[in-house]
Amino acid sequence: MKQLILDIPTAYEPAENHPAYQINEPVEHINFEDLYRTGHHPYHPALLLKLILFAYTRGFVLGDKSNDLQVKTRLLYG
């Protein structure tokens, strides 16, 4: 049986003026050590905060259950 091999590039560098750079810098300087030690989180709090802030810069308001699927789709596919 031949297995299909897909070459998917995983290295992505956004442009220098991309909002991800302005979000990354301040969030990386926040100390999440005490928060992260209180329990097991499936995702690091810094990652979640970056995602929420990036969604906010794109005009998404997270938490509205009727809008969740639309937000996820637009974040993933532009």
N, C-alpha and C. Protein backbone atom coordinates (compact mmCIF):
# COMPACT_ATOMS: atom_id res chain seq x y z
N MET A 1 0.85 -1.19 0.00
CA MET A 1 0.00 0.00 0.00
C MET A 1 0.89 1.24 0.00
N LYS A 2 0.67 2.13 -0.93
CA LYS A 2 1.42 3.37 -0.97
C LYS A 2 0.71 4.42 -0.13
N GLN A 3 1.50 5.15 0.61
CA GLN A 3 0.94 6.18 1.47
C GLN A 3 1.19 7.54 0.83
N LEU A 4 0.18 8.38 0.87
CA LEU A 4 0.29 9.72 0.32
C LEU A 4 1.12 10.60 1.25
N ILE A 5 2.08 11.28 0.71
CA ILE A 5 2.92 12.18 1.49
C ILE A 5 2.67 13.60 1.01
N LEU A 6 2.26 14.46 1.93
CA LEU A 6 2.01 15.85 1.60
C LEU A 6 3.11 16.71 2.20
N ASP A 7 3.71 17.52 1.37
CA ASP A 7 4.74 18.43 1.84
C ASP A 7 4.06 19.74 2.23
N ILE A 8 3.85 19.93 3.52
CA ILE A 8 3.17 21.13 4.02
C ILE A 8 4.19 22.01 4.72
N PRO A 9 4.40 23.21 4.21
CA PRO A 9 5.36 24.10 4.87
C PRO A 9 4.82 24.57 6.23
N THR A 10 5.63 24.48 7.25
CA THR A 10 5.20 24.90 8.58
C THR A 10 5.87 26.18 9.04
N ALA A 11 6.89 26.61 8.34
CA ALA A 11 7.57 27.85 8.71
C ALA A 11 6.87 29.02 8.02
N TYR A 12 6.27 29.88 8.83
CA TYR A 12 5.57 31.05 8.30
C TYR A 12 6.05 32.28 9.04
N GLU A 13 6.49 33.25 8.31
CA GLU A 13 6.92 34.53 8.89
C GLU A 13 6.03 35.63 8.34
N PRO A 14 5.21 36.24 9.19
CA PRO A 14 4.38 37.34 8.70
C PRO A 14 5.24 38.56 8.38
N ALA A 15 4.67 39.48 7.63
CA ALA A 15 5.38 40.71 7.27
C ALA A 15 5.71 41.50 8.54
N GLU A 16 6.72 42.34 8.46
CA GLU A 16 7.18 43.12 9.63
C GLU A 16 6.09 44.00 10.22
N ASN A 17 5.17 44.49 9.40
CA ASN A 17 4.12 45.39 9.90
C ASN A 17 2.85 44.63 10.29
N HIS A 18 2.90 43.32 10.36
CA HIS A 18 1.74 42.50 10.71
C HIS A 18 1.40 42.70 12.19
N PRO A 19 0.10 42.75 12.54
CA PRO A 19 -0.30 42.94 13.94
C PRO A 19 0.22 41.86 14.89
N ALA A 20 0.56 40.70 14.36
CA ALA A 20 1.05 39.62 15.22
C ALA A 20 2.33 40.03 15.95
N TYR A 21 3.16 40.85 15.31
CA TYR A 21 4.38 41.30 15.96
C TYR A 21 4.08 42.25 17.11
N GLN A 22 3.11 43.15 16.92
CA GLN A 22 2.76 44.07 18.00
C GLN A 22 2.06 43.36 19.15
N ILE A 23 1.39 42.27 18.87
CA ILE A 23 0.73 41.49 19.93
C ILE A 23 1.75 40.62 20.65
N ASN A 24 2.68 40.03 19.93
CA ASN A 24 3.64 39.10 20.51
C ASN A 24 4.55 39.75 21.54
N GLU A 25 5.07 40.91 21.24
CA GLU A 25 6.05 41.56 22.13
C GLU A 25 5.53 41.78 23.55
N PRO A 26 4.41 42.47 23.74
CA PRO A 26 3.96 42.69 25.13
C PRO A 26 3.53 41.41 25.84
N VAL A 27 2.92 40.47 25.10
CA VAL A 27 2.46 39.24 25.74
C VAL A 27 3.65 38.39 26.20
N GLU A 28 4.73 38.40 25.45
CA GLU A 28 5.92 37.63 25.84
C GLU A 28 6.56 38.16 27.12
N HIS A 29 6.30 39.40 27.47
CA HIS A 29 6.89 39.98 28.69
C HIS A 29 6.01 39.78 29.93
N ILE A 30 4.85 39.18 29.77
CA ILE A 30 3.96 38.90 30.91
C ILE A 30 4.42 37.59 31.55
N ASN A 31 4.49 37.59 32.88
CA ASN A 31 4.89 36.39 33.61
C ASN A 31 3.64 35.54 33.90
N PHE A 32 3.53 34.42 33.21
CA PHE A 32 2.40 33.52 33.39
C PHE A 32 2.75 32.36 34.32
N GLU A 33 3.91 32.40 34.96
CA GLU A 33 4.38 31.27 35.75
C GLU A 33 3.42 30.90 36.87
N ASP A 34 2.95 31.87 37.65
CA ASP A 34 2.04 31.57 38.76
C ASP A 34 0.69 31.08 38.24
N LEU A 35 0.20 31.69 37.19
CA LEU A 35 -1.07 31.30 36.61
C LEU A 35 -0.99 29.90 36.02
N TYR A 36 0.11 29.61 35.38
CA TYR A 36 0.26 28.32 34.70
C TYR A 36 0.50 27.19 35.69
N ARG A 37 1.02 27.49 36.87
CA ARG A 37 1.30 26.47 37.87
C ARG A 37 0.06 26.01 38.63
N THR A 38 -1.02 26.78 38.56
CA THR A 38 -2.20 26.47 39.36
C THR A 38 -2.97 25.25 38.88
N GLY A 39 -2.74 24.81 37.67
CA GLY A 39 -3.45 23.64 37.16
C GLY A 39 -2.97 23.29 35.78
N HIS A 40 -3.49 22.22 35.27
CA HIS A 40 -3.09 21.78 33.93
C HIS A 40 -3.97 22.46 32.89
N HIS A 41 -3.34 23.17 31.99
CA HIS A 41 -4.05 23.84 30.90
C HIS A 41 -3.67 23.14 29.60
N PRO A 42 -4.63 22.87 28.73
CA PRO A 42 -4.28 22.24 27.45
C PRO A 42 -3.48 23.17 26.55
N TYR A 43 -3.64 24.48 26.74
CA TYR A 43 -2.89 25.46 25.96
C TYR A 43 -2.27 26.46 26.92
N HIS A 44 -1.10 26.95 26.58
CA HIS A 44 -0.44 27.93 27.42
C HIS A 44 -1.25 29.23 27.40
N PRO A 45 -1.41 29.88 28.57
CA PRO A 45 -2.19 31.12 28.63
C PRO A 45 -1.68 32.21 27.67
N ALA A 46 -0.39 32.27 27.42
CA ALA A 46 0.13 33.28 26.49
C ALA A 46 -0.40 33.04 25.08
N LEU A 47 -0.47 31.79 24.67
CA LEU A 47 -0.98 31.46 23.35
C LEU A 47 -2.45 31.87 23.23
N LEU A 48 -3.23 31.59 24.26
CA LEU A 48 -4.64 31.94 24.23
C LEU A 48 -4.84 33.45 24.21
N LEU A 49 -4.05 34.17 25.00
CA LEU A 49 -4.15 35.63 25.02
C LEU A 49 -3.79 36.22 23.65
N LYS A 50 -2.76 35.69 23.02
CA LYS A 50 -2.37 36.16 21.69
C LYS A 50 -3.49 35.92 20.69
N LEU A 51 -4.13 34.77 20.76
CA LEU A 51 -5.23 34.46 19.86
C LEU A 51 -6.40 35.41 20.06
N ILE A 52 -6.75 35.68 21.31
CA ILE A 52 -7.86 36.58 21.61
C ILE A 52 -7.54 37.99 21.13
N LEU A 53 -6.33 38.46 21.39
CA LEU A 53 -5.96 39.81 20.96
C LEU A 53 -5.91 39.92 19.44
N PHE A 54 -5.41 38.89 18.77
CA PHE A 54 -5.38 38.92 17.31
C PHE A 54 -6.79 38.94 16.74
N ALA A 55 -7.68 38.13 17.31
CA ALA A 55 -9.07 38.12 16.85
C ALA A 55 -9.70 39.49 17.05
N TYR A 56 -9.39 40.13 18.18
CA TYR A 56 -9.93 41.47 18.45
C TYR A 56 -9.45 42.48 17.43
N THR A 57 -8.18 42.38 17.00
CA THR A 57 -7.67 43.32 15.99
C THR A 57 -8.35 43.10 14.65
N ARG A 58 -8.89 41.92 14.42
CA ARG A 58 -9.60 41.63 13.18
C ARG A 58 -11.09 41.92 13.28
N GLY A 59 -11.54 42.42 14.44
CA GLY A 59 -12.94 42.80 14.59
C GLY A 59 -13.85 41.70 15.10
N PHE A 60 -13.27 40.64 15.66
CA PHE A 60 -14.07 39.55 16.18
C PHE A 60 -14.26 39.73 17.68
N VAL A 61 -15.47 39.42 18.15
CA VAL A 61 -15.73 39.41 19.58
C VAL A 61 -15.95 37.95 19.96
N LEU A 62 -15.04 37.40 20.74
CA LEU A 62 -15.15 36.00 21.14
C LEU A 62 -16.11 35.85 22.30
N GLY A 63 -16.79 34.75 22.34
CA GLY A 63 -17.70 34.45 23.43
C GLY A 63 -19.15 34.45 23.01
N ASP A 64 -19.47 35.01 21.88
CA ASP A 64 -20.82 34.98 21.37
C ASP A 64 -21.05 33.61 20.72
N LYS A 65 -21.84 32.76 21.36
CA LYS A 65 -21.98 31.38 20.89
C LYS A 65 -22.57 31.29 19.49
N SER A 66 -23.44 32.20 19.12
CA SER A 66 -24.02 32.14 17.79
C SER A 66 -23.02 32.52 16.72
N ASN A 67 -21.93 33.17 17.13
CA ASN A 67 -20.94 33.66 16.17
C ASN A 67 -19.65 32.83 16.19
N ASP A 68 -19.55 31.85 17.08
CA ASP A 68 -18.30 31.09 17.24
C ASP A 68 -17.83 30.40 15.97
N LEU A 69 -18.72 29.74 15.26
CA LEU A 69 -18.32 29.03 14.04
C LEU A 69 -17.83 30.00 12.98
N GLN A 70 -18.52 31.12 12.85
CA GLN A 70 -18.11 32.13 11.88
C GLN A 70 -16.74 32.70 12.24
N VAL A 71 -16.49 32.95 13.50
CA VAL A 71 -15.20 33.48 13.95
C VAL A 71 -14.09 32.48 13.64
N LYS A 72 -14.29 31.23 14.00
CA LYS A 72 -13.27 30.21 13.75
C LYS A 72 -12.99 30.07 12.26
N THR A 73 -14.03 30.10 11.46
CA THR A 73 -13.85 29.95 10.01
C THR A 73 -13.10 31.14 9.43
N ARG A 74 -13.45 32.35 9.85
CA ARG A 74 -12.79 33.54 9.31
C ARG A 74 -11.36 33.65 9.80
N LEU A 75 -11.07 33.21 11.03
CA LEU A 75 -9.68 33.23 11.51
C LEU A 75 -8.82 32.25 10.74
N LEU A 76 -9.38 31.10 10.42
CA LEU A 76 -8.61 30.08 9.72
C LEU A 76 -8.45 30.37 8.24
N TYR A 77 -9.49 30.86 7.62
CA TYR A 77 -9.48 30.99 6.16
C TYR A 77 -9.48 32.43 5.65
N GLY A 78 -9.36 33.39 6.57
CA GLY A 78 -9.24 34.77 6.14
C GLY A 78 -10.56 35.39 5.90
